[in-house]
Structures are given as structure tokens and as C-alpha cells.
Amino acid sequence: MIPLEEKFKLLDEYNLALKDDEMNKRNMLRQEWNDFCVMLDKAQLTIHKSYNELYLDQSKKLDDFQKESSENKTRFQNDAPFTSTTITNDKAF
């Protein structure tokens, strides 16, 4: 039972009459609730799909960054002038 139906049952217990437009809304309540639940399910699927896409994208970017960092480290270790007798520290800076 949906929460609003419980409230309407209280009105029934006290024999309170509803206006026509309120009765129409009450009659449509179950369908509206079902539509709302379907919308929530669709939203959950969309969120899950977006999360997965974001996760995969970030994983790919992280892998690319790690590869690039590794390549830069290797290049630096191979090409960096660790010793030099012709260049002063000030000039290198």
C-alpha cells in the first residue's frame, strides 16, 4: 500500500466526503505511484550506466597517465645530464 492510500483510509473511517477532483486524484493515485516507481527504476539504470562509463573513462585516463609517467621517467633516466663539467648549476637552472 502506498503512503497516501493510508491517509485516504483515515478519511473514509471518519466518513469525510471528497470533492470530485479529489476523488479523481485518489482514483489515479495507484497508477501515478506505479509510474513514479517506473521512473525511479529508469533513473537508477541511467545513474548506474553513467557511473560505469565514468569509471571506465577514469580508469583509462589513469592507465594513460601511468604509462606516460613511466615513459617520462625512463626518458629522463636515459637522457638527463647527470654529470657535466662544462655547464654550471646557475646556467643549467
PDB file of N, CA and C in Angstrom:
ATOM      1  N   MET A   1       0.849  -1.181   0.000  1.00  0.00           N
ATOM      2  CA  MET A   1       0.000   0.000   0.000  1.00  0.00           C
ATOM      3  C   MET A   1       0.893   1.242   0.000  1.00  0.00           C
ATOM      4  N   ILE A   2       0.514   2.182  -0.800  1.00  0.00           N
ATOM      5  CA  ILE A   2       1.296   3.407  -0.849  1.00  0.00           C
ATOM      6  C   ILE A   2       0.881   4.336   0.294  1.00  0.00           C
ATOM      7  N   PRO A   3       1.787   5.181   0.742  1.00  0.00           N
ATOM      8  CA  PRO A   3       1.524   6.002   1.937  1.00  0.00           C
ATOM      9  C   PRO A   3       0.262   6.867   1.855  1.00  0.00           C
ATOM     10  N   LEU A   4      -0.011   7.438   0.705  1.00  0.00           N
ATOM     11  CA  LEU A   4      -1.185   8.310   0.610  1.00  0.00           C
ATOM     12  C   LEU A   4      -2.496   7.542   0.718  1.00  0.00           C
ATOM     13  N   GLU A   5      -2.492   6.292   0.302  1.00  0.00           N
ATOM     14  CA  GLU A   5      -3.716   5.497   0.426  1.00  0.00           C
ATOM     15  C   GLU A   5      -4.093   5.313   1.893  1.00  0.00           C
ATOM     16  N   GLU A   6      -3.090   5.212   2.746  1.00  0.00           N
ATOM     17  CA  GLU A   6      -3.364   5.099   4.180  1.00  0.00           C
ATOM     18  C   GLU A   6      -4.058   6.361   4.701  1.00  0.00           C
ATOM     19  N   LYS A   7      -3.622   7.500   4.195  1.00  0.00           N
ATOM     20  CA  LYS A   7      -4.247   8.764   4.621  1.00  0.00           C
ATOM     21  C   LYS A   7      -5.704   8.827   4.160  1.00  0.00           C
ATOM     22  N   PHE A   8      -5.940   8.370   2.959  1.00  0.00           N
ATOM     23  CA  PHE A   8      -7.314   8.371   2.455  1.00  0.00           C
ATOM     24  C   PHE A   8      -8.191   7.407   3.257  1.00  0.00           C
ATOM     25  N   LYS A   9      -7.614   6.305   3.719  1.00  0.00           N
ATOM     26  CA  LYS A   9      -8.392   5.379   4.536  1.00  0.00           C
ATOM     27  C   LYS A   9      -8.853   6.042   5.832  1.00  0.00           C
ATOM     28  N   LEU A  10      -8.015   6.909   6.378  1.00  0.00           N
ATOM     29  CA  LEU A  10      -8.427   7.653   7.577  1.00  0.00           C
ATOM     30  C   LEU A  10      -9.641   8.525   7.280  1.00  0.00           C
ATOM     31  N   LEU A  11      -9.620   9.154   6.107  1.00  0.00           N
ATOM     32  CA  LEU A  11     -10.776   9.978   5.731  1.00  0.00           C
ATOM     33  C   LEU A  11     -12.030   9.116   5.602  1.00  0.00           C
ATOM     34  N   ASP A  12     -11.865   7.925   5.037  1.00  0.00           N
ATOM     35  CA  ASP A  12     -13.010   7.020   4.893  1.00  0.00           C
ATOM     36  C   ASP A  12     -13.564   6.611   6.253  1.00  0.00           C
ATOM     37  N   GLU A  13     -12.678   6.368   7.198  1.00  0.00           N
ATOM     38  CA  GLU A  13     -13.116   5.951   8.534  1.00  0.00           C
ATOM     39  C   GLU A  13     -13.990   7.016   9.200  1.00  0.00           C
ATOM     40  N   TYR A  14     -13.691   8.266   8.913  1.00  0.00           N
ATOM     41  CA  TYR A  14     -14.477   9.363   9.503  1.00  0.00           C
ATOM     42  C   TYR A  14     -15.587   9.845   8.587  1.00  0.00           C
ATOM     43  N   ASN A  15     -15.808   9.109   7.508  1.00  0.00           N
ATOM     44  CA  ASN A  15     -16.884   9.423   6.555  1.00  0.00           C
ATOM     45  C   ASN A  15     -16.797  10.851   6.030  1.00  0.00           C
ATOM     46  N   LEU A  16     -15.597  11.290   5.748  1.00  0.00           N
ATOM     47  CA  LEU A  16     -15.415  12.612   5.162  1.00  0.00           C
ATOM     48  C   LEU A  16     -15.514  12.504   3.647  1.00  0.00           C
ATOM     49  N   ALA A  17     -16.354  13.351   3.085  1.00  0.00           N
ATOM     50  CA  ALA A  17     -16.577  13.318   1.638  1.00  0.00           C
ATOM     51  C   ALA A  17     -15.483  14.116   0.933  1.00  0.00           C
ATOM     52  N   LEU A  18     -15.086  13.610  -0.224  1.00  0.00           N
ATOM     53  CA  LEU A  18     -14.090  14.297  -1.025  1.00  0.00           C
ATOM     54  C   LEU A  18     -14.762  14.981  -2.204  1.00  0.00           C
ATOM     55  N   LYS A  19     -14.169  16.053  -2.640  1.00  0.00           N
ATOM     56  CA  LYS A  19     -14.673  16.738  -3.834  1.00  0.00           C
ATOM     57  C   LYS A  19     -14.385  15.854  -5.048  1.00  0.00           C
ATOM     58  N   ASP A  20     -15.071  16.141  -6.152  1.00  0.00           N
ATOM     59  CA  ASP A  20     -14.915  15.331  -7.361  1.00  0.00           C
ATOM     60  C   ASP A  20     -13.473  15.307  -7.856  1.00  0.00           C
ATOM     61  N   ASP A  21     -12.826  16.464  -7.861  1.00  0.00           N
ATOM     62  CA  ASP A  21     -11.443  16.498  -8.356  1.00  0.00           C
ATOM     63  C   ASP A  21     -10.514  15.719  -7.417  1.00  0.00           C
ATOM     64  N   GLU A  22     -10.803  15.753  -6.110  1.00  0.00           N
ATOM     65  CA  GLU A  22     -10.005  14.981  -5.162  1.00  0.00           C
ATOM     66  C   GLU A  22     -10.245  13.481  -5.335  1.00  0.00           C
ATOM     67  N   MET A  23     -11.477  13.103  -5.641  1.00  0.00           N
ATOM     68  CA  MET A  23     -11.784  11.688  -5.900  1.00  0.00           C
ATOM     69  C   MET A  23     -11.072  11.209  -7.159  1.00  0.00           C
ATOM     70  N   ASN A  24     -11.033  12.059  -8.179  1.00  0.00           N
ATOM     71  CA  ASN A  24     -10.327  11.695  -9.409  1.00  0.00           C
ATOM     72  C   ASN A  24      -8.838  11.492  -9.126  1.00  0.00           C
ATOM     73  N   LYS A  25      -8.280  12.373  -8.324  1.00  0.00           N
ATOM     74  CA  LYS A  25      -6.864  12.236  -7.958  1.00  0.00           C
ATOM     75  C   LYS A  25      -6.642  10.951  -7.166  1.00  0.00           C
ATOM     76  N   ARG A  26      -7.571  10.653  -6.267  1.00  0.00           N
ATOM     77  CA  ARG A  26      -7.450   9.431  -5.463  1.00  0.00           C
ATOM     78  C   ARG A  26      -7.518   8.195  -6.355  1.00  0.00           C
ATOM     79  N   ASN A  27      -8.404   8.232  -7.321  1.00  0.00           N
ATOM     80  CA  ASN A  27      -8.551   7.094  -8.222  1.00  0.00           C
ATOM     81  C   ASN A  27      -7.308   6.902  -9.106  1.00  0.00           C
ATOM     82  N   MET A  28      -6.634   7.972  -9.397  1.00  0.00           N
ATOM     83  CA  MET A  28      -5.437   7.904 -10.237  1.00  0.00           C
ATOM     84  C   MET A  28      -4.167   7.656  -9.417  1.00  0.00           C
ATOM     85  N   LEU A  29      -4.306   7.630  -8.124  1.00  0.00           N
ATOM     86  CA  LEU A  29      -3.148   7.545  -7.235  1.00  0.00           C
ATOM     87  C   LEU A  29      -2.296   6.303  -7.489  1.00  0.00           C
ATOM     88  N   ARG A  30      -2.929   5.151  -7.610  1.00  0.00           N
ATOM     89  CA  ARG A  30      -2.186   3.899  -7.806  1.00  0.00           C
ATOM     90  C   ARG A  30      -1.385   3.948  -9.119  1.00  0.00           C
ATOM     91  N   GLN A  31      -2.024   4.417 -10.185  1.00  0.00           N
ATOM     92  CA  GLN A  31      -1.327   4.498 -11.474  1.00  0.00           C
ATOM     93  C   GLN A  31      -0.181   5.508 -11.406  1.00  0.00           C
ATOM     94  N   GLU A  32      -0.417   6.633 -10.776  1.00  0.00           N
ATOM     95  CA  GLU A  32       0.635   7.647 -10.636  1.00  0.00           C
ATOM     96  C   GLU A  32       1.814   7.094  -9.824  1.00  0.00           C
ATOM     97  N   TRP A  33       1.503   6.346  -8.781  1.00  0.00           N
ATOM     98  CA  TRP A  33       2.550   5.738  -7.948  1.00  0.00           C
ATOM     99  C   TRP A  33       3.366   4.741  -8.769  1.00  0.00           C
ATOM    100  N   ASN A  34       2.684   3.916  -9.541  1.00  0.00           N
ATOM    101  CA  ASN A  34       3.385   2.951 -10.390  1.00  0.00           C
ATOM    102  C   ASN A  34       4.264   3.659 -11.422  1.00  0.00           C
ATOM    103  N   ASP A  35       3.730   4.715 -12.019  1.00  0.00           N
ATOM    104  CA  ASP A  35       4.519   5.494 -12.986  1.00  0.00           C
ATOM    105  C   ASP A  35       5.752   6.091 -12.316  1.00  0.00           C
ATOM    106  N   PHE A  36       5.571   6.567 -11.104  1.00  0.00           N
ATOM    107  CA  PHE A  36       6.681   7.149 -10.355  1.00  0.00           C
ATOM    108  C   PHE A  36       7.757   6.095 -10.078  1.00  0.00           C
ATOM    109  N   CYS A  37       7.318   4.902  -9.680  1.00  0.00           N
ATOM    110  CA  CYS A  37       8.273   3.813  -9.401  1.00  0.00           C
ATOM    111  C   CYS A  37       9.024   3.402 -10.670  1.00  0.00           C
ATOM    112  N   VAL A  38       8.335   3.360 -11.795  1.00  0.00           N
ATOM    113  CA  VAL A  38       8.982   3.049 -13.072  1.00  0.00           C
ATOM    114  C   VAL A  38      10.016   4.116 -13.405  1.00  0.00           C
ATOM    115  N   MET A  39       9.665   5.379 -13.178  1.00  0.00           N
ATOM    116  CA  MET A  39      10.596   6.472 -13.438  1.00  0.00           C
ATOM    117  C   MET A  39      11.831   6.352 -12.551  1.00  0.00           C
ATOM    118  N   LEU A  40      11.637   5.984 -11.285  1.00  0.00           N
ATOM    119  CA  LEU A  40      12.774   5.801 -10.382  1.00  0.00           C
ATOM    120  C   LEU A  40      13.680   4.656 -10.849  1.00  0.00           C
ATOM    121  N   ASP A  41      13.073   3.583 -11.331  1.00  0.00           N
ATOM    122  CA  ASP A  41      13.856   2.452 -11.845  1.00  0.00           C
ATOM    123  C   ASP A  41      14.673   2.876 -13.068  1.00  0.00           C
ATOM    124  N   LYS A  42      14.055   3.620 -13.968  1.00  0.00           N
ATOM    125  CA  LYS A  42      14.771   4.100 -15.151  1.00  0.00           C
ATOM    126  C   LYS A  42      15.910   5.041 -14.754  1.00  0.00           C
ATOM    127  N   ALA A  43      15.645   5.901 -13.792  1.00  0.00           N
ATOM    128  CA  ALA A  43      16.675   6.829 -13.324  1.00  0.00           C
ATOM    129  C   ALA A  43      17.834   6.055 -12.701  1.00  0.00           C
ATOM    130  N   GLN A  44      17.520   5.024 -11.943  1.00  0.00           N
ATOM    131  CA  GLN A  44      18.567   4.202 -11.330  1.00  0.00           C
ATOM    132  C   GLN A  44      19.430   3.542 -12.395  1.00  0.00           C
ATOM    133  N   LEU A  45      18.812   3.022 -13.452  1.00  0.00           N
ATOM    134  CA  LEU A  45      19.564   2.420 -14.552  1.00  0.00           C
ATOM    135  C   LEU A  45      20.460   3.439 -15.245  1.00  0.00           C
ATOM    136  N   THR A  46      19.925   4.642 -15.452  1.00  0.00           N
ATOM    137  CA  THR A  46      20.705   5.704 -16.088  1.00  0.00           C
ATOM    138  C   THR A  46      21.893   6.089 -15.214  1.00  0.00           C
ATOM    139  N   ILE A  47      21.666   6.203 -13.926  1.00  0.00           N
ATOM    140  CA  ILE A  47      22.746   6.552 -12.995  1.00  0.00           C
ATOM    141  C   ILE A  47      23.812   5.458 -13.003  1.00  0.00           C
ATOM    142  N   HIS A  48      23.376   4.209 -12.970  1.00  0.00           N
ATOM    143  CA  HIS A  48      24.314   3.088 -12.972  1.00  0.00           C
ATOM    144  C   HIS A  48      25.137   3.074 -14.265  1.00  0.00           C
ATOM    145  N   LYS A  49      24.480   3.296 -15.388  1.00  0.00           N
ATOM    146  CA  LYS A  49      25.175   3.335 -16.678  1.00  0.00           C
ATOM    147  C   LYS A  49      26.184   4.479 -16.711  1.00  0.00           C
ATOM    148  N   SER A  50      25.780   5.645 -16.255  1.00  0.00           N
ATOM    149  CA  SER A  50      26.679   6.804 -16.233  1.00  0.00           C
ATOM    150  C   SER A  50      27.860   6.559 -15.305  1.00  0.00           C
ATOM    151  N   TYR A  51      27.608   5.944 -14.161  1.00  0.00           N
ATOM    152  CA  TYR A  51      28.678   5.629 -13.225  1.00  0.00           C
ATOM    153  C   TYR A  51      29.692   4.693 -13.870  1.00  0.00           C
ATOM    154  N   ASN A  52      29.202   3.658 -14.544  1.00  0.00           N
ATOM    155  CA  ASN A  52      30.100   2.707 -15.202  1.00  0.00           C
ATOM    156  C   ASN A  52      30.928   3.381 -16.293  1.00  0.00           C
ATOM    157  N   GLU A  53      30.285   4.245 -17.085  1.00  0.00           N
ATOM    158  CA  GLU A  53      31.007   4.959 -18.137  1.00  0.00           C
ATOM    159  C   GLU A  53      32.073   5.871 -17.531  1.00  0.00           C
ATOM    160  N   LEU A  54      31.724   6.560 -16.467  1.00  0.00           N
ATOM    161  CA  LEU A  54      32.675   7.442 -15.796  1.00  0.00           C
ATOM    162  C   LEU A  54      33.828   6.644 -15.211  1.00  0.00           C
ATOM    163  N   TYR A  55      33.523   5.512 -14.596  1.00  0.00           N
ATOM    164  CA  TYR A  55      34.554   4.662 -14.006  1.00  0.00           C
ATOM    165  C   TYR A  55      35.525   4.171 -15.078  1.00  0.00           C
ATOM    166  N   LEU A  56      34.984   3.692 -16.197  1.00  0.00           N
ATOM    167  CA  LEU A  56      35.839   3.201 -17.279  1.00  0.00           C
ATOM    168  C   LEU A  56      36.683   4.320 -17.874  1.00  0.00           C
ATOM    169  N   ASP A  57      36.093   5.489 -18.026  1.00  0.00           N
ATOM    170  CA  ASP A  57      36.824   6.638 -18.568  1.00  0.00           C
ATOM    171  C   ASP A  57      37.967   7.040 -17.632  1.00  0.00           C
ATOM    172  N   GLN A  58      37.688   7.089 -16.347  1.00  0.00           N
ATOM    173  CA  GLN A  58      38.732   7.465 -15.388  1.00  0.00           C
ATOM    174  C   GLN A  58      39.817   6.392 -15.298  1.00  0.00           C
ATOM    175  N   SER A  59      39.431   5.135 -15.402  1.00  0.00           N
ATOM    176  CA  SER A  59      40.417   4.053 -15.384  1.00  0.00           C
ATOM    177  C   SER A  59      41.348   4.162 -16.589  1.00  0.00           C
ATOM    178  N   LYS A  60      40.766   4.473 -17.754  1.00  0.00           N
ATOM    179  CA  LYS A  60      41.578   4.636 -18.954  1.00  0.00           C
ATOM    180  C   LYS A  60      42.526   5.823 -18.808  1.00  0.00           C
ATOM    181  N   LYS A  61      42.024   6.924 -18.286  1.00  0.00           N
ATOM    182  CA  LYS A  61      42.871   8.108 -18.089  1.00  0.00           C
ATOM    183  C   LYS A  61      43.994   7.818 -17.097  1.00  0.00           C
ATOM    184  N   LEU A  62      43.694   7.068 -16.049  1.00  0.00           N
ATOM    185  CA  LEU A  62      44.708   6.712 -15.065  1.00  0.00           C
ATOM    186  C   LEU A  62      45.779   5.817 -15.696  1.00  0.00           C
ATOM    187  N   ASP A  63      45.346   4.857 -16.480  1.00  0.00           N
ATOM    188  CA  ASP A  63      46.302   3.984 -17.168  1.00  0.00           C
ATOM    189  C   ASP A  63      47.195   4.791 -18.117  1.00  0.00           C
ATOM    190  N   ASP A  64      46.581   5.710 -18.871  1.00  0.00           N
ATOM    191  CA  ASP A  64      47.358   6.562 -19.781  1.00  0.00           C
ATOM    192  C   ASP A  64      48.357   7.419 -19.014  1.00  0.00           C
ATOM    193  N   PHE A  65      47.931   7.964 -17.876  1.00  0.00           N
ATOM    194  CA  PHE A  65      48.811   8.795 -17.063  1.00  0.00           C
ATOM    195  C   PHE A  65      49.982   7.980 -16.522  1.00  0.00           C
ATOM    196  N   GLN A  66      49.684   6.772 -16.046  1.00  0.00           N
ATOM    197  CA  GLN A  66      50.753   5.917 -15.524  1.00  0.00           C
ATOM    198  C   GLN A  66      51.746   5.549 -16.626  1.00  0.00           C
ATOM    199  N   LYS A  67      51.250   5.244 -17.801  1.00  0.00           N
ATOM    200  CA  LYS A  67      52.126   4.911 -18.931  1.00  0.00           C
ATOM    201  C   LYS A  67      52.989   6.109 -19.309  1.00  0.00           C
ATOM    202  N   GLU A  68      52.372   7.280 -19.406  1.00  0.00           N
ATOM    203  CA  GLU A  68      53.112   8.497 -19.760  1.00  0.00           C
ATOM    204  C   GLU A  68      54.168   8.817 -18.699  1.00  0.00           C
ATOM    205  N   SER A  69      53.813   8.678 -17.432  1.00  0.00           N
ATOM    206  CA  SER A  69      54.767   8.941 -16.352  1.00  0.00           C
ATOM    207  C   SER A  69      55.941   7.975 -16.417  1.00  0.00           C
ATOM    208  N   SER A  70      55.647   6.720 -16.681  1.00  0.00           N
ATOM    209  CA  SER A  70      56.695   5.716 -16.791  1.00  0.00           C
ATOM    210  C   SER A  70      57.622   6.023 -17.962  1.00  0.00           C
ATOM    211  N   GLU A  71      57.033   6.417 -19.084  1.00  0.00           N
ATOM    212  CA  GLU A  71      57.842   6.774 -20.255  1.00  0.00           C
ATOM    213  C   GLU A  71      58.703   8.002 -19.974  1.00  0.00           C
ATOM    214  N   ASN A  72      58.132   8.995 -19.306  1.00  0.00           N
ATOM    215  CA  ASN A  72      58.898  10.202 -18.968  1.00  0.00           C
ATOM    216  C   ASN A  72      60.051   9.872 -18.022  1.00  0.00           C
ATOM    217  N   LYS A  73      59.799   8.999 -17.059  1.00  0.00           N
ATOM    218  CA  LYS A  73      60.845   8.606 -16.114  1.00  0.00           C
ATOM    219  C   LYS A  73      61.979   7.895 -16.853  1.00  0.00           C
ATOM    220  N   THR A  74      61.625   6.960 -17.727  1.00  0.00           N
ATOM    221  CA  THR A  74      62.642   6.225 -18.494  1.00  0.00           C
ATOM    222  C   THR A  74      63.436   7.182 -19.384  1.00  0.00           C
ATOM    223  N   ARG A  75      62.735   8.071 -20.070  1.00  0.00           N
ATOM    224  CA  ARG A  75      63.403   9.048 -20.941  1.00  0.00           C
ATOM    225  C   ARG A  75      64.351   9.928 -20.128  1.00  0.00           C
ATOM    226  N   PHE A  76      63.909  10.382 -18.963  1.00  0.00           N
ATOM    227  CA  PHE A  76      64.750  11.232 -18.126  1.00  0.00           C
ATOM    228  C   PHE A  76      65.984  10.465 -17.653  1.00  0.00           C
ATOM    229  N   GLN A  77      65.785   9.223 -17.214  1.00  0.00           N
ATOM    230  CA  GLN A  77      66.921   8.435 -16.730  1.00  0.00           C
ATOM    231  C   GLN A  77      67.936   8.169 -17.840  1.00  0.00           C
ATOM    232  N   ASN A  78      67.453   8.047 -19.062  1.00  0.00           N
ATOM    233  CA  ASN A  78      68.356   7.794 -20.187  1.00  0.00           C
ATOM    234  C   ASN A  78      69.014   9.060 -20.732  1.00  0.00           C
ATOM    235  N   ASP A  79      68.307  10.178 -20.725  1.00  0.00           N
ATOM    236  CA  ASP A  79      68.774  11.379 -21.421  1.00  0.00           C
ATOM    237  C   ASP A  79      69.233  12.513 -20.516  1.00  0.00           C
ATOM    238  N   ALA A  80      68.948  12.443 -19.234  1.00  0.00           N
ATOM    239  CA  ALA A  80      69.281  13.567 -18.345  1.00  0.00           C
ATOM    240  C   ALA A  80      70.795  13.681 -18.174  1.00  0.00           C
ATOM    241  N   PRO A  81      71.280  14.912 -18.161  1.00  0.00           N
ATOM    242  CA  PRO A  81      72.729  15.124 -17.951  1.00  0.00           C
ATOM    243  C   PRO A  81      73.039  15.094 -16.453  1.00  0.00           C
ATOM    244  N   PHE A  82      73.263  13.899 -15.934  1.00  0.00           N
ATOM    245  CA  PHE A  82      73.527  13.771 -14.507  1.00  0.00           C
ATOM    246  C   PHE A  82      74.879  14.368 -14.115  1.00  0.00           C
ATOM    247  N   THR A  83      75.803  14.360 -15.016  1.00  0.00           N
ATOM    248  CA  THR A  83      77.110  14.971 -14.746  1.00  0.00           C
ATOM    249  C   THR A  83      77.504  15.832 -15.933  1.00  0.00           C
ATOM    250  N   SER A  84      78.124  16.930 -15.614  1.00  0.00           N
ATOM    251  CA  SER A  84      78.615  17.808 -16.670  1.00  0.00           C
ATOM    252  C   SER A  84      79.724  18.672 -16.099  1.00  0.00           C
ATOM    253  N   THR A  85      80.755  18.794 -16.840  1.00  0.00           N
ATOM    254  CA  THR A  85      81.873  19.620 -16.402  1.00  0.00           C
ATOM    255  C   THR A  85      81.860  20.966 -17.102  1.00  0.00           C
ATOM    256  N   THR A  86      81.010  21.115 -18.136  1.00  0.00           N
ATOM    257  CA  THR A  86      81.018  22.368 -18.891  1.00  0.00           C
ATOM    258  C   THR A  86      79.855  23.289 -18.540  1.00  0.00           C
ATOM    259  N   ILE A  87      78.853  22.790 -17.850  1.00  0.00           N
ATOM    260  CA  ILE A  87      77.688  23.622 -17.526  1.00  0.00           C
ATOM    261  C   ILE A  87      77.624  23.810 -16.013  1.00  0.00           C
ATOM    262  N   THR A  88      77.518  25.080 -15.609  1.00  0.00           N
ATOM    263  CA  THR A  88      77.393  25.374 -14.168  1.00  0.00           C
ATOM    264  C   THR A  88      75.941  25.179 -13.726  1.00  0.00           C
ATOM    265  N   ASN A  89      75.752  25.083 -12.417  1.00  0.00           N
ATOM    266  CA  ASN A  89      74.399  24.922 -11.879  1.00  0.00           C
ATOM    267  C   ASN A  89      73.533  26.110 -12.231  1.00  0.00           C
ATOM    268  N   ASP A  90      74.082  27.316 -12.152  1.00  0.00           N
ATOM    269  CA  ASP A  90      73.293  28.507 -12.484  1.00  0.00           C
ATOM    270  C   ASP A  90      72.860  28.501 -13.934  1.00  0.00           C
ATOM    271  N   LYS A  91      73.744  28.120 -14.823  1.00  0.00           N
ATOM    272  CA  LYS A  91      73.400  28.086 -16.243  1.00  0.00           C
ATOM    273  C   LYS A  91      72.365  26.999 -16.503  1.00  0.00           C
ATOM    274  N   ALA A  92      72.488  25.852 -15.846  1.00  0.00           N
ATOM    275  CA  ALA A  92      71.519  24.778 -16.029  1.00  0.00           C
ATOM    276  C   ALA A  92      70.138  25.206 -15.521  1.00  0.00           C
ATOM    277  N   PHE A  93      70.132  25.941 -14.438  1.00  0.00           N
ATOM    278  CA  PHE A  93      68.869  26.395 -13.889  1.00  0.00           C
ATOM    279  C   PHE A  93      68.203  27.353 -14.845  1.00  0.00           C
TER     280      PHE A  93
END
